[in-house]
Amino acid sequence: MNPGQPSNSENLPPSFTNIYPNPQYNNVLTISPLQKNASVCHVTTAVQYTHPQHVTQTLQTTLATTPFHPTTFFYSPPNEFCHYYINCKEICYDTVAYLLNKSLKENNVKSNENECIFYYQQQHDARFYQVSCEIVSPLLINNCLNKNFLGFEFQQNVDEKLAFTFEQKENLEGWLKQYLSQYLLK
């Protein structure tokens, strides 16, 4: 496309609409009518004409500057006191298609009460992950802290019932998706 010359949009007659790169708006394309007696029309779109090499370079730069994150880690959302053991397992596109064809209700019936499973697409490279989250026992956390920092371990025989509530699952999924979007899983 020649920046100095308008190009026709969507094979419309030349007297109807032309597209101009507008340097005033960082070369964002604008659409204006050609007829002087036509009503004034000015549309700015978010679409820019870019060279494919520039897009590739931008993607490579974004991938190079995005920090890596392990696929297994412990996490606690900012608005909760619970800790969770998180395991992100990459899944192939065939599995994604299969899961899309299964009902969500059928999928949730098979999960444990103390486990939350959801699916996440990494925006940086479009990979899909099954993210499984388990509630970490507060007793386990206390035992680890006591053993590693104070040098002793309590022997507690308490049977804990750890179960997710619907709100807890929704909250955790939302925070984790926001958190994971900042990283590349490796």
N, C-alpha and C. Protein backbone atom coordinates (compact mmCIF):
# COMPACT_ATOMS: atom_id res chain seq x y z
N MET A 1 0.85 -1.16 0.00
CA MET A 1 0.00 0.00 0.00
C MET A 1 0.89 1.22 0.00
N ASN A 2 0.67 2.14 -0.91
CA ASN A 2 1.43 3.38 -1.00
C ASN A 2 0.86 4.36 0.02
N PRO A 3 1.68 4.86 1.01
CA PRO A 3 1.15 5.72 2.06
C PRO A 3 0.58 7.03 1.55
N GLY A 4 1.03 7.54 0.41
CA GLY A 4 0.54 8.81 -0.09
C GLY A 4 -0.74 8.70 -0.88
N GLN A 5 -1.13 7.50 -1.25
CA GLN A 5 -2.29 7.33 -2.11
C GLN A 5 -3.33 6.48 -1.41
N PRO A 6 -4.60 6.91 -1.46
CA PRO A 6 -5.65 6.13 -0.81
C PRO A 6 -5.88 4.82 -1.54
N SER A 7 -6.31 3.81 -0.78
CA SER A 7 -6.66 2.54 -1.41
C SER A 7 -8.12 2.25 -1.13
N ASN A 8 -8.76 1.56 -2.05
CA ASN A 8 -10.17 1.26 -1.93
C ASN A 8 -10.37 0.15 -0.91
N SER A 9 -11.47 0.19 -0.15
CA SER A 9 -11.76 -0.79 0.89
C SER A 9 -12.87 -1.72 0.45
N GLU A 10 -12.65 -3.02 0.58
CA GLU A 10 -13.64 -4.06 0.34
C GLU A 10 -14.32 -3.96 -1.02
N ASN A 11 -13.59 -3.60 -2.06
CA ASN A 11 -14.09 -3.52 -3.43
C ASN A 11 -15.33 -2.63 -3.56
N LEU A 12 -15.42 -1.58 -2.76
CA LEU A 12 -16.53 -0.64 -2.87
C LEU A 12 -16.22 0.35 -3.98
N PRO A 13 -17.24 0.96 -4.58
CA PRO A 13 -16.98 1.93 -5.63
C PRO A 13 -16.09 3.06 -5.10
N PRO A 14 -15.18 3.58 -5.94
CA PRO A 14 -14.24 4.59 -5.49
C PRO A 14 -14.90 5.84 -4.93
N SER A 15 -16.12 6.14 -5.31
CA SER A 15 -16.76 7.35 -4.81
C SER A 15 -17.34 7.16 -3.40
N PHE A 16 -17.24 5.94 -2.83
CA PHE A 16 -17.88 5.70 -1.54
C PHE A 16 -16.91 5.82 -0.37
N THR A 17 -15.88 5.00 -0.33
CA THR A 17 -14.98 4.99 0.83
C THR A 17 -13.55 4.75 0.40
N ASN A 18 -12.65 5.47 0.98
CA ASN A 18 -11.22 5.25 0.80
C ASN A 18 -10.54 5.17 2.15
N ILE A 19 -9.41 4.45 2.21
CA ILE A 19 -8.65 4.30 3.44
C ILE A 19 -7.35 5.07 3.30
N TYR A 20 -7.03 5.88 4.30
CA TYR A 20 -5.80 6.66 4.30
C TYR A 20 -4.99 6.34 5.55
N PRO A 21 -3.69 6.07 5.42
CA PRO A 21 -2.85 6.01 6.62
C PRO A 21 -2.76 7.43 7.18
N ASN A 22 -3.00 7.61 8.45
CA ASN A 22 -3.03 8.94 9.05
C ASN A 22 -1.83 9.12 9.97
N PRO A 23 -0.81 9.91 9.56
CA PRO A 23 0.38 10.09 10.39
C PRO A 23 0.06 10.78 11.72
N GLN A 24 -1.02 11.54 11.77
CA GLN A 24 -1.40 12.21 13.01
C GLN A 24 -1.72 11.20 14.11
N TYR A 25 -2.23 10.03 13.73
CA TYR A 25 -2.58 8.99 14.69
C TYR A 25 -1.65 7.80 14.58
N ASN A 26 -0.35 8.04 14.45
CA ASN A 26 0.66 6.97 14.38
C ASN A 26 0.36 6.00 13.25
N ASN A 27 -0.08 6.52 12.11
CA ASN A 27 -0.39 5.74 10.91
C ASN A 27 -1.49 4.70 11.13
N VAL A 28 -2.40 4.95 12.07
CA VAL A 28 -3.58 4.11 12.20
C VAL A 28 -4.48 4.44 11.02
N LEU A 29 -5.05 3.43 10.40
CA LEU A 29 -5.86 3.65 9.20
C LEU A 29 -7.14 4.39 9.55
N THR A 30 -7.51 5.35 8.70
CA THR A 30 -8.77 6.07 8.87
C THR A 30 -9.60 5.93 7.61
N ILE A 31 -10.91 5.99 7.77
CA ILE A 31 -11.84 5.85 6.64
C ILE A 31 -12.61 7.15 6.50
N SER A 32 -12.65 7.70 5.29
CA SER A 32 -13.36 8.96 5.05
C SER A 32 -14.09 8.88 3.72
N PRO A 33 -15.28 9.53 3.60
CA PRO A 33 -15.97 9.55 2.31
C PRO A 33 -15.27 10.51 1.36
N LEU A 34 -15.41 10.27 0.05
CA LEU A 34 -14.77 11.12 -0.95
C LEU A 34 -15.64 12.28 -1.38
N GLN A 35 -16.95 12.14 -1.32
CA GLN A 35 -17.82 13.20 -1.82
C GLN A 35 -17.86 14.36 -0.83
N LYS A 36 -17.75 15.57 -1.36
CA LYS A 36 -17.76 16.75 -0.49
C LYS A 36 -19.13 16.98 0.12
N ASN A 37 -20.20 16.64 -0.58
CA ASN A 37 -21.53 16.89 -0.05
C ASN A 37 -22.03 15.75 0.84
N ALA A 38 -21.24 14.70 1.00
CA ALA A 38 -21.64 13.59 1.87
C ALA A 38 -21.48 14.01 3.32
N SER A 39 -22.21 13.36 4.18
CA SER A 39 -22.08 13.69 5.60
C SER A 39 -20.68 13.33 6.07
N VAL A 40 -20.18 14.06 7.05
CA VAL A 40 -18.81 13.88 7.52
C VAL A 40 -18.70 12.52 8.21
N CYS A 41 -17.67 11.81 7.86
CA CYS A 41 -17.45 10.49 8.43
C CYS A 41 -15.97 10.34 8.72
N HIS A 42 -15.64 9.98 9.94
CA HIS A 42 -14.24 9.73 10.29
C HIS A 42 -14.21 8.56 11.26
N VAL A 43 -13.62 7.46 10.85
CA VAL A 43 -13.54 6.28 11.69
C VAL A 43 -12.08 5.93 11.88
N THR A 44 -11.66 5.80 13.11
CA THR A 44 -10.30 5.37 13.40
C THR A 44 -10.38 3.94 13.88
N THR A 45 -9.57 3.08 13.30
CA THR A 45 -9.60 1.68 13.69
C THR A 45 -8.32 1.32 14.41
N ALA A 46 -8.35 0.21 15.12
CA ALA A 46 -7.17 -0.25 15.84
C ALA A 46 -6.25 -1.05 14.93
N VAL A 47 -6.66 -1.28 13.70
CA VAL A 47 -5.86 -2.07 12.77
C VAL A 47 -4.81 -1.17 12.15
N GLN A 48 -3.57 -1.61 12.17
CA GLN A 48 -2.50 -0.87 11.53
C GLN A 48 -1.90 -1.74 10.44
N TYR A 49 -1.40 -1.08 9.41
CA TYR A 49 -0.68 -1.80 8.39
C TYR A 49 0.74 -2.00 8.92
N THR A 50 1.13 -3.25 9.08
CA THR A 50 2.48 -3.54 9.56
C THR A 50 3.12 -4.54 8.63
N HIS A 51 4.39 -4.48 8.56
CA HIS A 51 5.15 -5.41 7.75
C HIS A 51 5.26 -6.72 8.53
N PRO A 52 5.07 -7.89 7.90
CA PRO A 52 5.14 -9.17 8.61
C PRO A 52 6.44 -9.36 9.38
N GLN A 53 7.53 -8.83 8.88
CA GLN A 53 8.80 -8.98 9.58
C GLN A 53 8.74 -8.25 10.92
N HIS A 54 8.08 -7.09 10.96
CA HIS A 54 7.95 -6.33 12.19
C HIS A 54 7.13 -7.11 13.22
N VAL A 55 6.05 -7.78 12.79
CA VAL A 55 5.22 -8.58 13.68
C VAL A 55 6.05 -9.71 14.27
N THR A 56 6.83 -10.39 13.44
CA THR A 56 7.68 -11.48 13.91
C THR A 56 8.69 -10.97 14.91
N GLN A 57 9.31 -9.83 14.62
CA GLN A 57 10.30 -9.27 15.54
C GLN A 57 9.65 -8.89 16.87
N THR A 58 8.45 -8.32 16.83
CA THR A 58 7.75 -7.94 18.05
C THR A 58 7.42 -9.17 18.88
N LEU A 59 6.94 -10.24 18.24
CA LEU A 59 6.62 -11.48 18.93
C LEU A 59 7.87 -12.07 19.56
N GLN A 60 8.99 -12.10 18.82
CA GLN A 60 10.23 -12.63 19.36
C GLN A 60 10.71 -11.81 20.54
N THR A 61 10.59 -10.48 20.46
CA THR A 61 11.00 -9.62 21.55
C THR A 61 10.13 -9.87 22.78
N THR A 62 8.82 -10.02 22.58
CA THR A 62 7.91 -10.29 23.69
C THR A 62 8.26 -11.61 24.36
N LEU A 63 8.50 -12.66 23.56
CA LEU A 63 8.85 -13.96 24.11
C LEU A 63 10.18 -13.90 24.84
N ALA A 64 11.13 -13.13 24.31
CA ALA A 64 12.45 -13.04 24.92
C ALA A 64 12.41 -12.30 26.25
N THR A 65 11.49 -11.36 26.43
CA THR A 65 11.43 -10.58 27.66
C THR A 65 10.46 -11.14 28.69
N THR A 66 9.66 -12.13 28.34
CA THR A 66 8.72 -12.73 29.27
C THR A 66 9.44 -13.76 30.12
N PRO A 67 9.38 -13.62 31.46
CA PRO A 67 10.09 -14.56 32.32
C PRO A 67 9.44 -15.95 32.30
N PHE A 68 10.27 -16.96 32.51
CA PHE A 68 9.78 -18.34 32.58
C PHE A 68 9.29 -18.64 33.99
N HIS A 69 8.36 -19.57 34.08
CA HIS A 69 7.81 -19.97 35.37
C HIS A 69 7.71 -21.49 35.38
N PRO A 70 8.04 -22.14 36.50
CA PRO A 70 7.89 -23.61 36.55
C PRO A 70 6.42 -24.01 36.45
N THR A 71 6.19 -25.23 36.01
CA THR A 71 4.82 -25.70 35.84
C THR A 71 4.23 -26.27 37.13
N THR A 72 5.04 -26.46 38.15
CA THR A 72 4.58 -26.95 39.44
C THR A 72 5.04 -25.97 40.51
N PHE A 73 4.10 -25.49 41.32
CA PHE A 73 4.45 -24.49 42.33
C PHE A 73 3.33 -24.38 43.36
N PHE A 74 3.61 -23.68 44.46
CA PHE A 74 2.60 -23.38 45.47
C PHE A 74 2.13 -21.95 45.25
N TYR A 75 0.85 -21.71 45.52
CA TYR A 75 0.28 -20.39 45.24
C TYR A 75 -0.79 -20.06 46.28
N SER A 76 -0.85 -18.79 46.64
CA SER A 76 -1.91 -18.30 47.52
C SER A 76 -2.44 -17.00 46.92
N PRO A 77 -3.73 -16.95 46.56
CA PRO A 77 -4.28 -15.71 46.00
C PRO A 77 -4.19 -14.56 47.01
N PRO A 78 -4.12 -13.33 46.52
CA PRO A 78 -3.97 -12.18 47.41
C PRO A 78 -5.09 -12.02 48.44
N ASN A 79 -6.29 -12.48 48.13
CA ASN A 79 -7.42 -12.25 49.03
C ASN A 79 -7.83 -13.50 49.82
N GLU A 80 -6.91 -14.48 49.96
CA GLU A 80 -7.22 -15.73 50.68
C GLU A 80 -6.08 -16.11 51.61
N PHE A 81 -6.40 -16.93 52.59
CA PHE A 81 -5.37 -17.45 53.49
C PHE A 81 -4.94 -18.86 53.11
N CYS A 82 -5.70 -19.52 52.25
CA CYS A 82 -5.36 -20.88 51.83
C CYS A 82 -4.17 -20.88 50.87
N HIS A 83 -3.43 -21.97 50.92
CA HIS A 83 -2.35 -22.19 49.96
C HIS A 83 -2.75 -23.38 49.09
N TYR A 84 -2.27 -23.36 47.85
CA TYR A 84 -2.64 -24.40 46.89
C TYR A 84 -1.39 -24.94 46.22
N TYR A 85 -1.43 -26.23 45.94
CA TYR A 85 -0.40 -26.88 45.14
C TYR A 85 -0.91 -26.87 43.70
N ILE A 86 -0.14 -26.22 42.81
CA ILE A 86 -0.56 -26.03 41.42
C ILE A 86 0.31 -26.87 40.50
N ASN A 87 -0.33 -27.57 39.56
CA ASN A 87 0.39 -28.36 38.57
C ASN A 87 -0.20 -28.05 37.19
N CYS A 88 0.62 -27.44 36.33
CA CYS A 88 0.18 -27.08 34.97
C CYS A 88 0.76 -28.10 34.00
N LYS A 89 -0.11 -28.85 33.37
CA LYS A 89 0.31 -29.90 32.45
C LYS A 89 -0.11 -29.51 31.03
N GLU A 90 0.88 -29.39 30.13
CA GLU A 90 0.55 -29.02 28.75
C GLU A 90 -0.27 -30.12 28.10
N ILE A 91 -1.29 -29.70 27.34
CA ILE A 91 -2.13 -30.67 26.64
C ILE A 91 -2.11 -30.36 25.15
N CYS A 92 -2.27 -31.41 24.34
CA CYS A 92 -2.22 -31.25 22.89
C CYS A 92 -3.58 -30.78 22.36
N TYR A 93 -3.61 -30.35 21.11
CA TYR A 93 -4.83 -29.83 20.50
C TYR A 93 -5.91 -30.89 20.38
N ASP A 94 -5.54 -32.16 20.21
CA ASP A 94 -6.54 -33.23 20.15
C ASP A 94 -7.29 -33.32 21.48
N THR A 95 -6.56 -33.18 22.58
CA THR A 95 -7.18 -33.22 23.90
C THR A 95 -8.09 -32.02 24.09
N VAL A 96 -7.68 -30.86 23.59
CA VAL A 96 -8.50 -29.65 23.68
C VAL A 96 -9.82 -29.87 22.95
N ALA A 97 -9.76 -30.41 21.76
CA ALA A 97 -10.98 -30.67 20.99
C ALA A 97 -11.89 -31.65 21.72
N TYR A 98 -11.30 -32.68 22.30
CA TYR A 98 -12.07 -33.67 23.06
C TYR A 98 -12.77 -33.01 24.25
N LEU A 99 -12.02 -32.17 24.97
CA LEU A 99 -12.59 -31.51 26.15
C LEU A 99 -13.70 -30.53 25.77
N LEU A 100 -13.54 -29.87 24.64
CA LEU A 100 -14.58 -28.94 24.19
C LEU A 100 -15.88 -29.68 23.85
N ASN A 101 -15.76 -30.91 23.44
CA ASN A 101 -16.93 -31.69 23.08
C ASN A 101 -17.58 -32.36 24.29
N LYS A 102 -16.88 -32.43 25.40
CA LYS A 102 -17.44 -33.00 26.63
C LYS A 102 -18.17 -31.90 27.39
N SER A 103 -19.16 -32.28 28.13
CA SER A 103 -19.86 -31.27 28.92
C SER A 103 -19.04 -30.94 30.16
N LEU A 104 -19.06 -29.70 30.57
CA LEU A 104 -18.31 -29.25 31.74
C LEU A 104 -18.82 -29.93 33.00
N LYS A 105 -20.11 -30.15 33.06
CA LYS A 105 -20.70 -30.78 34.24
C LYS A 105 -20.17 -32.21 34.40
N GLU A 106 -20.10 -32.94 33.31
CA GLU A 106 -19.60 -34.30 33.35
C GLU A 106 -18.15 -34.32 33.81
N ASN A 107 -17.39 -33.34 33.39
CA ASN A 107 -15.98 -33.25 33.75
C ASN A 107 -15.81 -32.96 35.24
N ASN A 108 -16.66 -32.09 35.82
CA ASN A 108 -16.52 -31.73 37.22
C ASN A 108 -16.97 -32.83 38.17
N VAL A 109 -17.86 -33.71 37.75
CA VAL A 109 -18.34 -34.79 38.60
C VAL A 109 -17.19 -35.72 38.99
N LYS A 110 -16.22 -35.88 38.12
CA LYS A 110 -15.13 -36.82 38.35
C LYS A 110 -14.02 -36.25 39.24
N SER A 111 -14.06 -34.96 39.56
CA SER A 111 -12.98 -34.36 40.35
C SER A 111 -13.19 -34.57 41.84
N ASN A 112 -12.10 -34.52 42.59
CA ASN A 112 -12.16 -34.65 44.04
C ASN A 112 -12.63 -33.33 44.65
N GLU A 113 -13.13 -33.41 45.89
CA GLU A 113 -13.59 -32.21 46.58
C GLU A 113 -12.44 -31.25 46.88
N ASN A 114 -11.24 -31.81 47.08
CA ASN A 114 -10.10 -30.95 47.42
C ASN A 114 -9.25 -30.62 46.20
N GLU A 115 -9.81 -30.82 45.01
CA GLU A 115 -9.08 -30.54 43.78
C GLU A 115 -9.95 -29.70 42.85
N CYS A 116 -9.31 -28.74 42.22
CA CYS A 116 -9.98 -27.88 41.24
C CYS A 116 -9.18 -27.98 39.94
N ILE A 117 -9.86 -28.28 38.84
CA ILE A 117 -9.19 -28.40 37.54
C ILE A 117 -9.84 -27.43 36.56
N PHE A 118 -8.99 -26.68 35.86
CA PHE A 118 -9.48 -25.83 34.79
C PHE A 118 -8.45 -25.83 33.67
N TYR A 119 -8.82 -25.23 32.54
CA TYR A 119 -7.94 -25.22 31.36
C TYR A 119 -7.57 -23.79 31.04
N TYR A 120 -6.32 -23.63 30.65
CA TYR A 120 -5.75 -22.30 30.45
C TYR A 120 -4.97 -22.27 29.15
N GLN A 121 -5.18 -21.22 28.35
CA GLN A 121 -4.38 -21.03 27.13
C GLN A 121 -3.39 -19.91 27.38
N GLN A 122 -2.12 -20.25 27.23
CA GLN A 122 -1.06 -19.26 27.40
C GLN A 122 -1.06 -18.34 26.19
N GLN A 123 -1.20 -17.05 26.40
CA GLN A 123 -1.33 -16.09 25.31
C GLN A 123 -0.03 -15.88 24.54
N HIS A 124 1.10 -16.08 25.19
CA HIS A 124 2.39 -15.81 24.54
C HIS A 124 2.69 -16.76 23.39
N ASP A 125 2.26 -18.03 23.54
CA ASP A 125 2.57 -19.00 22.49
C ASP A 125 1.38 -19.92 22.15
N ALA A 126 0.20 -19.60 22.65
CA ALA A 126 -1.06 -20.30 22.35
C ALA A 126 -1.06 -21.76 22.79
N ARG A 127 -0.22 -22.14 23.73
CA ARG A 127 -0.25 -23.51 24.26
C ARG A 127 -1.39 -23.64 25.28
N PHE A 128 -1.93 -24.85 25.37
CA PHE A 128 -3.00 -25.13 26.32
C PHE A 128 -2.46 -25.94 27.48
N TYR A 129 -3.01 -25.66 28.67
CA TYR A 129 -2.59 -26.36 29.88
C TYR A 129 -3.81 -26.78 30.69
N GLN A 130 -3.70 -27.97 31.28
CA GLN A 130 -4.66 -28.39 32.29
C GLN A 130 -4.04 -27.95 33.61
N VAL A 131 -4.74 -27.12 34.34
CA VAL A 131 -4.22 -26.61 35.61
C VAL A 131 -4.99 -27.30 36.73
N SER A 132 -4.28 -28.10 37.52
CA SER A 132 -4.93 -28.75 38.65
C SER A 132 -4.42 -28.11 39.94
N CYS A 133 -5.35 -27.85 40.84
CA CYS A 133 -5.06 -27.15 42.08
C CYS A 133 -5.56 -28.00 43.24
N GLU A 134 -4.71 -28.20 44.22
CA GLU A 134 -5.10 -28.93 45.42
C GLU A 134 -4.90 -28.05 46.63
N ILE A 135 -5.83 -28.11 47.56
CA ILE A 135 -5.69 -27.34 48.80
C ILE A 135 -4.56 -27.97 49.61
N VAL A 136 -3.63 -27.13 50.06
CA VAL A 136 -2.54 -27.60 50.90
C VAL A 136 -3.02 -27.56 52.35
N SER A 137 -2.81 -28.65 53.04
CA SER A 137 -3.23 -28.75 54.43
C SER A 137 -2.51 -27.72 55.29
N PRO A 138 -3.25 -26.94 56.09
CA PRO A 138 -2.59 -26.01 57.01
C PRO A 138 -1.66 -26.73 57.99
N LEU A 139 -2.01 -27.97 58.37
CA LEU A 139 -1.13 -28.75 59.25
C LEU A 139 0.20 -29.06 58.57
N LEU A 140 0.16 -29.36 57.27
CA LEU A 140 1.39 -29.62 56.53
C LEU A 140 2.27 -28.38 56.50
N ILE A 141 1.66 -27.22 56.28
CA ILE A 141 2.43 -25.97 56.26
C ILE A 141 3.06 -25.73 57.63
N ASN A 142 2.28 -25.91 58.70
CA ASN A 142 2.83 -25.73 60.05
C ASN A 142 3.97 -26.70 60.32
N ASN A 143 3.81 -27.97 59.92
CA ASN A 143 4.87 -28.96 60.13
C ASN A 143 6.13 -28.58 59.37
N CYS A 144 5.99 -28.14 58.12
CA CYS A 144 7.16 -27.74 57.32
C CYS A 144 7.87 -26.54 57.95
N LEU A 145 7.11 -25.56 58.39
CA LEU A 145 7.71 -24.38 59.03
C LEU A 145 8.42 -24.76 60.33
N ASN A 146 7.75 -25.57 61.16
CA ASN A 146 8.37 -25.99 62.42
C ASN A 146 9.64 -26.80 62.19
N LYS A 147 9.59 -27.72 61.24
CA LYS A 147 10.74 -28.58 60.98
C LYS A 147 11.90 -27.79 60.37
N ASN A 148 11.62 -26.95 59.36
CA ASN A 148 12.68 -26.26 58.64
C ASN A 148 13.23 -25.04 59.36
N PHE A 149 12.42 -24.36 60.16
CA PHE A 149 12.89 -23.15 60.82
C PHE A 149 13.17 -23.33 62.31
N LEU A 150 12.46 -24.25 62.95
CA LEU A 150 12.63 -24.42 64.39
C LEU A 150 13.25 -25.76 64.75
N GLY A 151 13.33 -26.67 63.80
CA GLY A 151 14.02 -27.94 64.00
C GLY A 151 13.21 -29.03 64.68
N PHE A 152 11.92 -28.88 64.83
CA PHE A 152 11.12 -29.96 65.42
C PHE A 152 9.85 -30.17 64.62
N GLU A 153 9.25 -31.33 64.83
CA GLU A 153 8.06 -31.70 64.07
C GLU A 153 6.98 -32.20 65.02
N PHE A 154 5.76 -31.69 64.85
CA PHE A 154 4.63 -32.16 65.65
C PHE A 154 4.05 -33.41 65.00
N GLN A 155 3.65 -34.34 65.81
CA GLN A 155 2.92 -35.51 65.31
C GLN A 155 1.45 -35.30 65.65
N GLN A 156 0.70 -34.82 64.69
CA GLN A 156 -0.72 -34.56 64.92
C GLN A 156 -1.55 -35.56 64.13
N ASN A 157 -2.44 -36.21 64.82
CA ASN A 157 -3.33 -37.17 64.16
C ASN A 157 -4.71 -36.55 63.99
N VAL A 158 -4.77 -35.57 63.12
CA VAL A 158 -6.03 -34.89 62.86
C VAL A 158 -6.46 -35.22 61.43
N ASP A 159 -7.69 -35.64 61.28
CA ASP A 159 -8.21 -35.94 59.95
C ASP A 159 -8.85 -34.66 59.40
N GLU A 160 -8.18 -34.03 58.46
CA GLU A 160 -8.68 -32.77 57.89
C GLU A 160 -9.60 -33.05 56.71
N LYS A 161 -10.69 -32.34 56.67
CA LYS A 161 -11.59 -32.38 55.53
C LYS A 161 -11.39 -31.10 54.74
N LEU A 162 -10.66 -31.20 53.66
CA LEU A 162 -10.38 -30.04 52.82
C LEU A 162 -11.23 -30.14 51.56
N ALA A 163 -12.08 -29.14 51.35
CA ALA A 163 -12.96 -29.16 50.17
C ALA A 163 -13.11 -27.74 49.63
N PHE A 164 -13.12 -27.65 48.30
CA PHE A 164 -13.32 -26.37 47.63
C PHE A 164 -14.80 -25.98 47.67
N THR A 165 -15.05 -24.70 47.84
CA THR A 165 -16.39 -24.16 47.61
C THR A 165 -16.41 -23.67 46.16
N PHE A 166 -17.60 -23.44 45.62
CA PHE A 166 -17.71 -22.94 44.25
C PHE A 166 -17.02 -21.59 44.13
N GLU A 167 -17.26 -20.70 45.10
CA GLU A 167 -16.65 -19.36 45.08
C GLU A 167 -15.14 -19.43 45.16
N GLN A 168 -14.64 -20.35 45.96
CA GLN A 168 -13.20 -20.53 46.11
C GLN A 168 -12.57 -20.97 44.78
N LYS A 169 -13.23 -21.88 44.08
CA LYS A 169 -12.74 -22.33 42.77
C LYS A 169 -12.72 -21.18 41.77
N GLU A 170 -13.82 -20.42 41.71
CA GLU A 170 -13.90 -19.29 40.79
C GLU A 170 -12.83 -18.24 41.09
N ASN A 171 -12.64 -17.94 42.36
CA ASN A 171 -11.65 -16.96 42.79
C ASN A 171 -10.24 -17.41 42.43
N LEU A 172 -9.92 -18.66 42.75
CA LEU A 172 -8.59 -19.19 42.47
C LEU A 172 -8.32 -19.21 40.97
N GLU A 173 -9.27 -19.66 40.18
CA GLU A 173 -9.09 -19.70 38.73
C GLU A 173 -8.84 -18.30 38.16
N GLY A 174 -9.60 -17.33 38.61
CA GLY A 174 -9.42 -15.95 38.12
C GLY A 174 -8.05 -15.40 38.46
N TRP A 175 -7.63 -15.56 39.72
CA TRP A 175 -6.31 -15.05 40.14
C TRP A 175 -5.18 -15.79 39.44
N LEU A 176 -5.31 -17.10 39.29
CA LEU A 176 -4.24 -17.87 38.64
C LEU A 176 -4.09 -17.50 37.17
N LYS A 177 -5.19 -17.32 36.47
CA LYS A 177 -5.11 -16.93 35.06
C LYS A 177 -4.43 -15.58 34.92
N GLN A 178 -4.75 -14.66 35.80
CA GLN A 178 -4.10 -13.34 35.78
C GLN A 178 -2.61 -13.48 36.10
N TYR A 179 -2.28 -14.28 37.08
CA TYR A 179 -0.89 -14.49 37.49
C TYR A 179 -0.08 -15.17 36.37
N LEU A 180 -0.63 -16.24 35.81
CA LEU A 180 0.09 -17.01 34.79
C LEU A 180 0.27 -16.23 33.49
N SER A 181 -0.60 -15.26 33.22
CA SER A 181 -0.48 -14.49 31.98
C SER A 181 0.80 -13.65 31.93
N GLN A 182 1.47 -13.50 33.05
CA GLN A 182 2.70 -12.71 33.11
C GLN A 182 3.94 -13.54 32.79
N TYR A 183 3.78 -14.85 32.63
CA TYR A 183 4.91 -15.75 32.49
C TYR A 183 4.74 -16.70 31.32
N LEU A 184 5.86 -17.32 30.94
CA LEU A 184 5.86 -18.45 30.01
C LEU A 184 6.06 -19.70 30.85
N LEU A 185 5.16 -20.65 30.74
CA LEU A 185 5.30 -21.89 31.49
C LEU A 185 6.32 -22.79 30.82
N LYS A 186 7.27 -23.24 31.54
CA LYS A 186 8.29 -24.17 31.02
C LYS A 186 8.63 -25.20 32.07
